[in-house]
Amino acid sequence: IMGGGDMIRSVSRYSCTWNDLPWKFEAGTSNI
């Protein structure tokens, strides 16, 4: 449900694909 940063594998103008698990659900910079 959250998009951007680490959860993305690829982004084009009108589509995107998700990263592998578990990063698919970890958008943005993590609490490192």
PDB file of all heavy atoms in Angstrom:
ATOM      1  N   ILE A   1       0.812  -1.216   0.000  1.00  0.00           N
ATOM      2  CA  ILE A   1       0.000   0.000   0.000  1.00  0.00           C
ATOM      3  C   ILE A   1       0.847   1.267   0.000  1.00  0.00           C
ATOM      4  O   ILE A   1       0.340   2.352  -0.261  1.00  0.00           O
ATOM      5  CB  ILE A   1      -0.959   0.054   1.213  1.00  0.00           C
ATOM      6  CG1 ILE A   1      -0.179  -0.075   2.531  1.00  0.00           C
ATOM      7  CG2 ILE A   1      -2.052  -0.962   1.092  1.00  0.00           C
ATOM      8  CD1 ILE A   1      -0.983   0.313   3.744  1.00  0.00           C
ATOM      9  N   MET A   2       2.132   1.143   0.305  1.00  0.00           N
ATOM     10  CA  MET A   2       3.020   2.309   0.298  1.00  0.00           C
ATOM     11  C   MET A   2       4.040   2.162  -0.821  1.00  0.00           C
ATOM     12  O   MET A   2       4.607   1.084  -1.009  1.00  0.00           O
ATOM     13  CB  MET A   2       3.727   2.456   1.648  1.00  0.00           C
ATOM     14  CG  MET A   2       2.784   2.753   2.794  1.00  0.00           C
ATOM     15  SD  MET A   2       3.656   3.014   4.350  1.00  0.00           S
ATOM     16  CE  MET A   2       4.513   4.545   3.986  1.00  0.00           C
ATOM     17  N   GLY A   3       4.246   3.242  -1.550  1.00  0.00           N
ATOM     18  CA  GLY A   3       5.136   3.174  -2.701  1.00  0.00           C
ATOM     19  C   GLY A   3       6.308   4.125  -2.600  1.00  0.00           C
ATOM     20  O   GLY A   3       6.212   5.192  -1.999  1.00  0.00           O
ATOM     21  N   GLY A   4       7.433   3.708  -3.197  1.00  0.00           N
ATOM     22  CA  GLY A   4       8.605   4.557  -3.246  1.00  0.00           C
ATOM     23  C   GLY A   4       9.801   3.932  -2.572  1.00  0.00           C
ATOM     24  O   GLY A   4       9.672   3.066  -1.708  1.00  0.00           O
ATOM     25  N   GLY A   5      10.994   4.348  -2.974  1.00  0.00           N
ATOM     26  CA  GLY A   5      12.208   3.876  -2.317  1.00  0.00           C
ATOM     27  C   GLY A   5      12.446   2.398  -2.522  1.00  0.00           C
ATOM     28  O   GLY A   5      12.304   1.860  -3.613  1.00  0.00           O
ATOM     29  N   ASP A   6      12.786   1.720  -1.426  1.00  0.00           N
ATOM     30  CA  ASP A   6      13.245   0.336  -1.500  1.00  0.00           C
ATOM     31  C   ASP A   6      12.227  -0.659  -2.034  1.00  0.00           C
ATOM     32  O   ASP A   6      12.597  -1.763  -2.420  1.00  0.00           O
ATOM     33  CB  ASP A   6      13.686  -0.121  -0.097  1.00  0.00           C
ATOM     34  CG  ASP A   6      15.192  -0.029   0.074  1.00  0.00           C
ATOM     35  OD1 ASP A   6      15.869   0.398  -0.880  1.00  0.00           O
ATOM     36  OD2 ASP A   6      15.689  -0.392   1.155  1.00  0.00           O
ATOM     37  N   MET A   7      10.946  -0.312  -2.028  1.00  0.00           N
ATOM     38  CA  MET A   7       9.953  -1.315  -2.424  1.00  0.00           C
ATOM     39  C   MET A   7       9.809  -1.432  -3.945  1.00  0.00           C
ATOM     40  O   MET A   7       9.051  -2.251  -4.443  1.00  0.00           O
ATOM     41  CB  MET A   7       8.607  -1.031  -1.771  1.00  0.00           C
ATOM     42  CG  MET A   7       8.001   0.325  -2.077  1.00  0.00           C
ATOM     43  SD  MET A   7       7.095   0.410  -3.637  1.00  0.00           S
ATOM     44  CE  MET A   7       5.795  -0.736  -3.341  1.00  0.00           C
ATOM     45  N   ILE A   8      10.561  -0.618  -4.695  1.00  0.00           N
ATOM     46  CA  ILE A   8      10.443  -0.590  -6.151  1.00  0.00           C
ATOM     47  C   ILE A   8      11.572  -1.370  -6.825  1.00  0.00           C
ATOM     48  O   ILE A   8      12.731  -1.268  -6.446  1.00  0.00           O
ATOM     49  CB  ILE A   8      10.481   0.878  -6.647  1.00  0.00           C
ATOM     50  CG1 ILE A   8       9.220   1.623  -6.197  1.00  0.00           C
ATOM     51  CG2 ILE A   8      10.654   0.948  -8.149  1.00  0.00           C
ATOM     52  CD1 ILE A   8       7.950   1.093  -6.806  1.00  0.00           C
ATOM     53  N   ARG A   9      11.197  -2.154  -7.864  1.00  0.00           N
ATOM     54  CA  ARG A   9      12.211  -2.773  -8.722  1.00  0.00           C
ATOM     55  C   ARG A   9      12.440  -1.911  -9.958  1.00  0.00           C
ATOM     56  O   ARG A   9      13.575  -1.627 -10.344  1.00  0.00           O
ATOM     57  CB  ARG A   9      11.770  -4.182  -9.141  1.00  0.00           C
ATOM     58  CG  ARG A   9      12.769  -4.862 -10.079  1.00  0.00           C
ATOM     59  CD  ARG A   9      12.358  -6.281 -10.429  1.00  0.00           C
ATOM     60  NE  ARG A   9      12.364  -7.130  -9.252  1.00  0.00           N
ATOM     61  CZ  ARG A   9      13.450  -7.648  -8.691  1.00  0.00           C
ATOM     62  NH1 ARG A   9      14.644  -7.381  -9.189  1.00  0.00           N
ATOM     63  NH2 ARG A   9      13.355  -8.427  -7.636  1.00  0.00           N
ATOM     64  N   SER A  10      11.341  -1.487 -10.575  1.00  0.00           N
ATOM     65  CA  SER A  10      11.471  -0.622 -11.753  1.00  0.00           C
ATOM     66  C   SER A  10      10.267   0.297 -11.856  1.00  0.00           C
ATOM     67  O   SER A  10       9.172  -0.049 -11.419  1.00  0.00           O
ATOM     68  CB  SER A  10      11.594  -1.465 -13.030  1.00  0.00           C
ATOM     69  OG  SER A  10      10.390  -2.173 -13.272  1.00  0.00           O
ATOM     70  N   VAL A  11      10.502   1.482 -12.440  1.00  0.00           N
ATOM     71  CA  VAL A  11       9.436   2.460 -12.621  1.00  0.00           C
ATOM     72  C   VAL A  11       9.561   3.084 -14.004  1.00  0.00           C
ATOM     73  O   VAL A  11      10.650   3.533 -14.397  1.00  0.00           O
ATOM     74  CB  VAL A  11       9.498   3.582 -11.557  1.00  0.00           C
ATOM     75  CG1 VAL A  11       8.361   4.595 -11.775  1.00  0.00           C
ATOM     76  CG2 VAL A  11       9.422   3.014 -10.157  1.00  0.00           C
ATOM     77  N   SER A  12       8.465   3.078 -14.734  1.00  0.00           N
ATOM     78  CA  SER A  12       8.388   3.822 -15.992  1.00  0.00           C
ATOM     79  C   SER A  12       7.341   4.915 -15.809  1.00  0.00           C
ATOM     80  O   SER A  12       6.818   5.096 -14.704  1.00  0.00           O
ATOM     81  CB  SER A  12       8.017   2.894 -17.152  1.00  0.00           C
ATOM     82  OG  SER A  12       6.715   2.368 -16.958  1.00  0.00           O
ATOM     83  N   ARG A  13       7.038   5.631 -16.845  1.00  0.00           N
ATOM     84  CA  ARG A  13       6.091   6.730 -16.701  1.00  0.00           C
ATOM     85  C   ARG A  13       4.728   6.263 -16.189  1.00  0.00           C
ATOM     86  O   ARG A  13       4.082   6.953 -15.396  1.00  0.00           O
ATOM     87  CB  ARG A  13       5.896   7.441 -18.046  1.00  0.00           C
ATOM     88  CG  ARG A  13       7.081   8.300 -18.473  1.00  0.00           C
ATOM     89  CD  ARG A  13       6.829   8.869 -19.854  1.00  0.00           C
ATOM     90  NE  ARG A  13       7.988   9.636 -20.313  1.00  0.00           N
ATOM     91  CZ  ARG A  13       8.105  10.959 -20.182  1.00  0.00           C
ATOM     92  NH1 ARG A  13       7.145  11.645 -19.596  1.00  0.00           N
ATOM     93  NH2 ARG A  13       9.173  11.573 -20.645  1.00  0.00           N
ATOM     94  N   TYR A  14       4.284   5.095 -16.627  1.00  0.00           N
ATOM     95  CA  TYR A  14       2.920   4.679 -16.304  1.00  0.00           C
ATOM     96  C   TYR A  14       2.821   3.285 -15.680  1.00  0.00           C
ATOM     97  O   TYR A  14       1.741   2.710 -15.606  1.00  0.00           O
ATOM     98  CB  TYR A  14       2.049   4.746 -17.569  1.00  0.00           C
ATOM     99  CG  TYR A  14       2.029   6.131 -18.179  1.00  0.00           C
ATOM    100  CD1 TYR A  14       2.675   6.384 -19.389  1.00  0.00           C
ATOM    101  CD2 TYR A  14       1.391   7.181 -17.525  1.00  0.00           C
ATOM    102  CE1 TYR A  14       2.686   7.662 -19.938  1.00  0.00           C
ATOM    103  CE2 TYR A  14       1.390   8.458 -18.069  1.00  0.00           C
ATOM    104  CZ  TYR A  14       2.034   8.702 -19.272  1.00  0.00           C
ATOM    105  OH  TYR A  14       2.037   9.967 -19.800  1.00  0.00           O
ATOM    106  N   SER A  15       3.932   2.756 -15.231  1.00  0.00           N
ATOM    107  CA  SER A  15       3.871   1.436 -14.579  1.00  0.00           C
ATOM    108  C   SER A  15       5.076   1.249 -13.670  1.00  0.00           C
ATOM    109  O   SER A  15       6.071   1.974 -13.782  1.00  0.00           O
ATOM    110  CB  SER A  15       3.831   0.313 -15.626  1.00  0.00           C
ATOM    111  OG  SER A  15       5.047   0.264 -16.355  1.00  0.00           O
ATOM    112  N   CYS A  16       4.962   0.283 -12.784  1.00  0.00           N
ATOM    113  CA  CYS A  16       6.088  -0.055 -11.903  1.00  0.00           C
ATOM    114  C   CYS A  16       5.968  -1.501 -11.461  1.00  0.00           C
ATOM    115  O   CYS A  16       4.897  -2.105 -11.534  1.00  0.00           O
ATOM    116  CB  CYS A  16       6.133   0.875 -10.685  1.00  0.00           C
ATOM    117  SG  CYS A  16       4.635   0.879  -9.691  1.00  0.00           S
ATOM    118  N   THR A  17       7.082  -2.062 -11.049  1.00  0.00           N
ATOM    119  CA  THR A  17       7.098  -3.426 -10.510  1.00  0.00           C
ATOM    120  C   THR A  17       7.718  -3.398  -9.125  1.00  0.00           C
ATOM    121  O   THR A  17       8.525  -2.526  -8.799  1.00  0.00           O
ATOM    122  CB  THR A  17       7.901  -4.378 -11.418  1.00  0.00           C
ATOM    123  OG1 THR A  17       9.240  -3.888 -11.544  1.00  0.00           O
ATOM    124  CG2 THR A  17       7.256  -4.488 -12.779  1.00  0.00           C
ATOM    125  N   TRP A  18       7.329  -4.382  -8.312  1.00  0.00           N
ATOM    126  CA  TRP A  18       7.749  -4.399  -6.916  1.00  0.00           C
ATOM    127  C   TRP A  18       9.069  -5.136  -6.727  1.00  0.00           C
ATOM    128  O   TRP A  18       9.410  -6.046  -7.480  1.00  0.00           O
ATOM    129  CB  TRP A  18       6.690  -5.055  -6.034  1.00  0.00           C
ATOM    130  CG  TRP A  18       5.287  -4.602  -6.245  1.00  0.00           C
ATOM    131  CD1 TRP A  18       4.163  -5.389  -6.263  1.00  0.00           C
ATOM    132  CD2 TRP A  18       4.820  -3.258  -6.436  1.00  0.00           C
ATOM    133  NE1 TRP A  18       3.048  -4.630  -6.470  1.00  0.00           N
ATOM    134  CE2 TRP A  18       3.409  -3.315  -6.573  1.00  0.00           C
ATOM    135  CE3 TRP A  18       5.443  -2.011  -6.523  1.00  0.00           C
ATOM    136  CZ2 TRP A  18       2.623  -2.182  -6.785  1.00  0.00           C
ATOM    137  CZ3 TRP A  18       4.673  -0.868  -6.732  1.00  0.00           C
ATOM    138  CH2 TRP A  18       3.290  -0.964  -6.850  1.00  0.00           C
ATOM    139  N   ASN A  19       9.748  -4.758  -5.665  1.00  0.00           N
ATOM    140  CA  ASN A  19      10.983  -5.412  -5.262  1.00  0.00           C
ATOM    141  C   ASN A  19      10.666  -6.785  -4.670  1.00  0.00           C
ATOM    142  O   ASN A  19       9.501  -7.131  -4.429  1.00  0.00           O
ATOM    143  CB  ASN A  19      11.717  -4.536  -4.236  1.00  0.00           C
ATOM    144  CG  ASN A  19      13.205  -4.850  -4.142  1.00  0.00           C
ATOM    145  OD1 ASN A  19      13.675  -5.870  -4.643  1.00  0.00           O
ATOM    146  ND2 ASN A  19      13.942  -3.962  -3.497  1.00  0.00           N
ATOM    147  N   ASP A  20      11.696  -7.572  -4.391  1.00  0.00           N
ATOM    148  CA  ASP A  20      11.524  -8.870  -3.742  1.00  0.00           C
ATOM    149  C   ASP A  20      11.080  -8.677  -2.299  1.00  0.00           C
ATOM    150  O   ASP A  20      11.186  -7.581  -1.724  1.00  0.00           O
ATOM    151  CB  ASP A  20      12.853  -9.639  -3.762  1.00  0.00           C
ATOM    152  CG  ASP A  20      13.323  -9.962  -5.176  1.00  0.00           C
ATOM    153  OD1 ASP A  20      12.462 -10.102  -6.070  1.00  0.00           O
ATOM    154  OD2 ASP A  20      14.549 -10.062  -5.375  1.00  0.00           O
ATOM    155  N   LEU A  21      10.634  -9.774  -1.701  1.00  0.00           N
ATOM    156  CA  LEU A  21      10.346  -9.775  -0.263  1.00  0.00           C
ATOM    157  C   LEU A  21      11.657  -9.729   0.506  1.00  0.00           C
ATOM    158  O   LEU A  21      12.652 -10.307   0.072  1.00  0.00           O
ATOM    159  CB  LEU A  21       9.579 -11.044   0.127  1.00  0.00           C
ATOM    160  CG  LEU A  21       8.163 -11.164  -0.399  1.00  0.00           C
ATOM    161  CD1 LEU A  21       7.610 -12.548  -0.065  1.00  0.00           C
ATOM    162  CD2 LEU A  21       7.253 -10.090   0.175  1.00  0.00           C
ATOM    163  N   PRO A  22      11.682  -9.061   1.648  1.00  0.00           N
ATOM    164  CA  PRO A  22      10.584  -8.342   2.320  1.00  0.00           C
ATOM    165  C   PRO A  22      10.494  -6.879   1.933  1.00  0.00           C
ATOM    166  O   PRO A  22       9.607  -6.165   2.396  1.00  0.00           O
ATOM    167  CB  PRO A  22      10.981  -8.473   3.783  1.00  0.00           C
ATOM    168  CG  PRO A  22      12.479  -8.388   3.758  1.00  0.00           C
ATOM    169  CD  PRO A  22      12.902  -9.103   2.495  1.00  0.00           C
ATOM    170  N   TRP A  23      11.422  -6.423   1.036  1.00  0.00           N
ATOM    171  CA  TRP A  23      11.531  -4.987   0.759  1.00  0.00           C
ATOM    172  C   TRP A  23      10.294  -4.438   0.060  1.00  0.00           C
ATOM    173  O   TRP A  23      10.036  -3.236   0.076  1.00  0.00           O
ATOM    174  CB  TRP A  23      12.791  -4.722  -0.067  1.00  0.00           C
ATOM    175  CG  TRP A  23      13.997  -5.324   0.592  1.00  0.00           C
ATOM    176  CD1 TRP A  23      14.520  -5.004   1.814  1.00  0.00           C
ATOM    177  CD2 TRP A  23      14.807  -6.381   0.083  1.00  0.00           C
ATOM    178  NE1 TRP A  23      15.613  -5.788   2.094  1.00  0.00           N
ATOM    179  CE2 TRP A  23      15.817  -6.646   1.048  1.00  0.00           C
ATOM    180  CE3 TRP A  23      14.798  -7.124  -1.088  1.00  0.00           C
ATOM    181  CZ2 TRP A  23      16.780  -7.623   0.866  1.00  0.00           C
ATOM    182  CZ3 TRP A  23      15.763  -8.108  -1.271  1.00  0.00           C
ATOM    183  CH2 TRP A  23      16.746  -8.343  -0.300  1.00  0.00           C
ATOM    184  N   LYS A  24       9.528  -5.325  -0.539  1.00  0.00           N
ATOM    185  CA  LYS A  24       8.276  -4.939  -1.191  1.00  0.00           C
ATOM    186  C   LYS A  24       7.351  -4.144  -0.263  1.00  0.00           C
ATOM    187  O   LYS A  24       6.577  -3.296  -0.713  1.00  0.00           O
ATOM    188  CB  LYS A  24       7.585  -6.226  -1.672  1.00  0.00           C
ATOM    189  CG  LYS A  24       6.169  -6.093  -2.174  1.00  0.00           C
ATOM    190  CD  LYS A  24       5.657  -7.494  -2.514  1.00  0.00           C
ATOM    191  CE  LYS A  24       4.189  -7.510  -2.847  1.00  0.00           C
ATOM    192  NZ  LYS A  24       3.692  -8.873  -3.136  1.00  0.00           N
ATOM    193  N   PHE A  25       7.452  -4.417   1.037  1.00  0.00           N
ATOM    194  CA  PHE A  25       6.585  -3.749   2.019  1.00  0.00           C
ATOM    195  C   PHE A  25       7.332  -2.709   2.863  1.00  0.00           C
ATOM    196  O   PHE A  25       6.799  -2.237   3.864  1.00  0.00           O
ATOM    197  CB  PHE A  25       5.942  -4.790   2.941  1.00  0.00           C
ATOM    198  CG  PHE A  25       4.968  -5.695   2.235  1.00  0.00           C
ATOM    199  CD1 PHE A  25       5.357  -6.950   1.801  1.00  0.00           C
ATOM    200  CD2 PHE A  25       3.672  -5.280   1.989  1.00  0.00           C
ATOM    201  CE1 PHE A  25       4.464  -7.785   1.137  1.00  0.00           C
ATOM    202  CE2 PHE A  25       2.771  -6.101   1.326  1.00  0.00           C
ATOM    203  CZ  PHE A  25       3.163  -7.364   0.896  1.00  0.00           C
ATOM    204  N   GLU A  26       8.564  -2.373   2.471  1.00  0.00           N
ATOM    205  CA  GLU A  26       9.356  -1.419   3.248  1.00  0.00           C
ATOM    206  C   GLU A  26       9.723  -0.216   2.392  1.00  0.00           C
ATOM    207  O   GLU A  26      10.851  -0.064   1.936  1.00  0.00           O
ATOM    208  CB  GLU A  26      10.615  -2.104   3.807  1.00  0.00           C
ATOM    209  CG  GLU A  26      10.301  -3.197   4.803  1.00  0.00           C
ATOM    210  CD  GLU A  26      11.552  -3.822   5.408  1.00  0.00           C
ATOM    211  OE1 GLU A  26      12.663  -3.322   5.145  1.00  0.00           O
ATOM    212  OE2 GLU A  26      11.417  -4.821   6.134  1.00  0.00           O
ATOM    213  N   ALA A  27       8.747   0.656   2.190  1.00  0.00           N
ATOM    214  CA  ALA A  27       8.945   1.832   1.342  1.00  0.00           C
ATOM    215  C   ALA A  27       9.793   2.887   2.055  1.00  0.00           C
ATOM    216  O   ALA A  27       9.639   3.113   3.250  1.00  0.00           O
ATOM    217  CB  ALA A  27       7.599   2.429   0.956  1.00  0.00           C
ATOM    218  N   GLY A  28      10.684   3.533   1.301  1.00  0.00           N
ATOM    219  CA  GLY A  28      11.467   4.631   1.848  1.00  0.00           C
ATOM    220  C   GLY A  28      12.625   4.166   2.712  1.00  0.00           C
ATOM    221  O   GLY A  28      12.888   2.974   2.865  1.00  0.00           O
ATOM    222  N   THR A  29      13.320   5.146   3.285  1.00  0.00           N
ATOM    223  CA  THR A  29      14.456   4.830   4.148  1.00  0.00           C
ATOM    224  C   THR A  29      13.980   4.177   5.438  1.00  0.00           C
ATOM    225  O   THR A  29      13.063   4.671   6.097  1.00  0.00           O
ATOM    226  CB  THR A  29      15.257   6.104   4.477  1.00  0.00           C
ATOM    227  OG1 THR A  29      15.826   6.611   3.269  1.00  0.00           O
ATOM    228  CG2 THR A  29      16.366   5.816   5.480  1.00  0.00           C
ATOM    229  N   SER A  30      14.599   3.085   5.779  1.00  0.00           N
ATOM    230  CA  SER A  30      14.192   2.303   6.958  1.00  0.00           C
ATOM    231  C   SER A  30      14.699   2.930   8.254  1.00  0.00           C
ATOM    232  O   SER A  30      15.548   3.829   8.240  1.00  0.00           O
ATOM    233  CB  SER A  30      14.738   0.883   6.838  1.00  0.00           C
ATOM    234  OG  SER A  30      14.286   0.256   5.661  1.00  0.00           O
ATOM    235  N   ASN A  31      14.186   2.431   9.370  1.00  0.00           N
ATOM    236  CA  ASN A  31      14.731   2.759  10.685  1.00  0.00           C
ATOM    237  C   ASN A  31      15.989   1.902  10.851  1.00  0.00           C
ATOM    238  O   ASN A  31      15.963   0.855  11.493  1.00  0.00           O
ATOM    239  CB  ASN A  31      13.702   2.458  11.769  1.00  0.00           C
ATOM    240  CG  ASN A  31      14.197   2.783  13.171  1.00  0.00           C
ATOM    241  OD1 ASN A  31      15.336   3.200  13.358  1.00  0.00           O
ATOM    242  ND2 ASN A  31      13.354   2.581  14.158  1.00  0.00           N
ATOM    243  N   ILE A  32      17.068   2.371  10.254  1.00  0.00           N
ATOM    244  CA  ILE A  32      18.279   1.553  10.145  1.00  0.00           C
ATOM    245  C   ILE A  32      18.872   1.246  11.514  1.00  0.00           C
ATOM    246  O   ILE A  32      19.132   0.087  11.854  1.00  0.00           O
ATOM    247  CB  ILE A  32      19.324   2.263   9.260  1.00  0.00           C
ATOM    248  CG1 ILE A  32      18.732   2.550   7.880  1.00  0.00           C
ATOM    249  CG2 ILE A  32      20.582   1.401   9.127  1.00  0.00           C
ATOM    250  CD1 ILE A  32      19.562   3.491   7.033  1.00  0.00           C
TER     251      ILE A  32
END
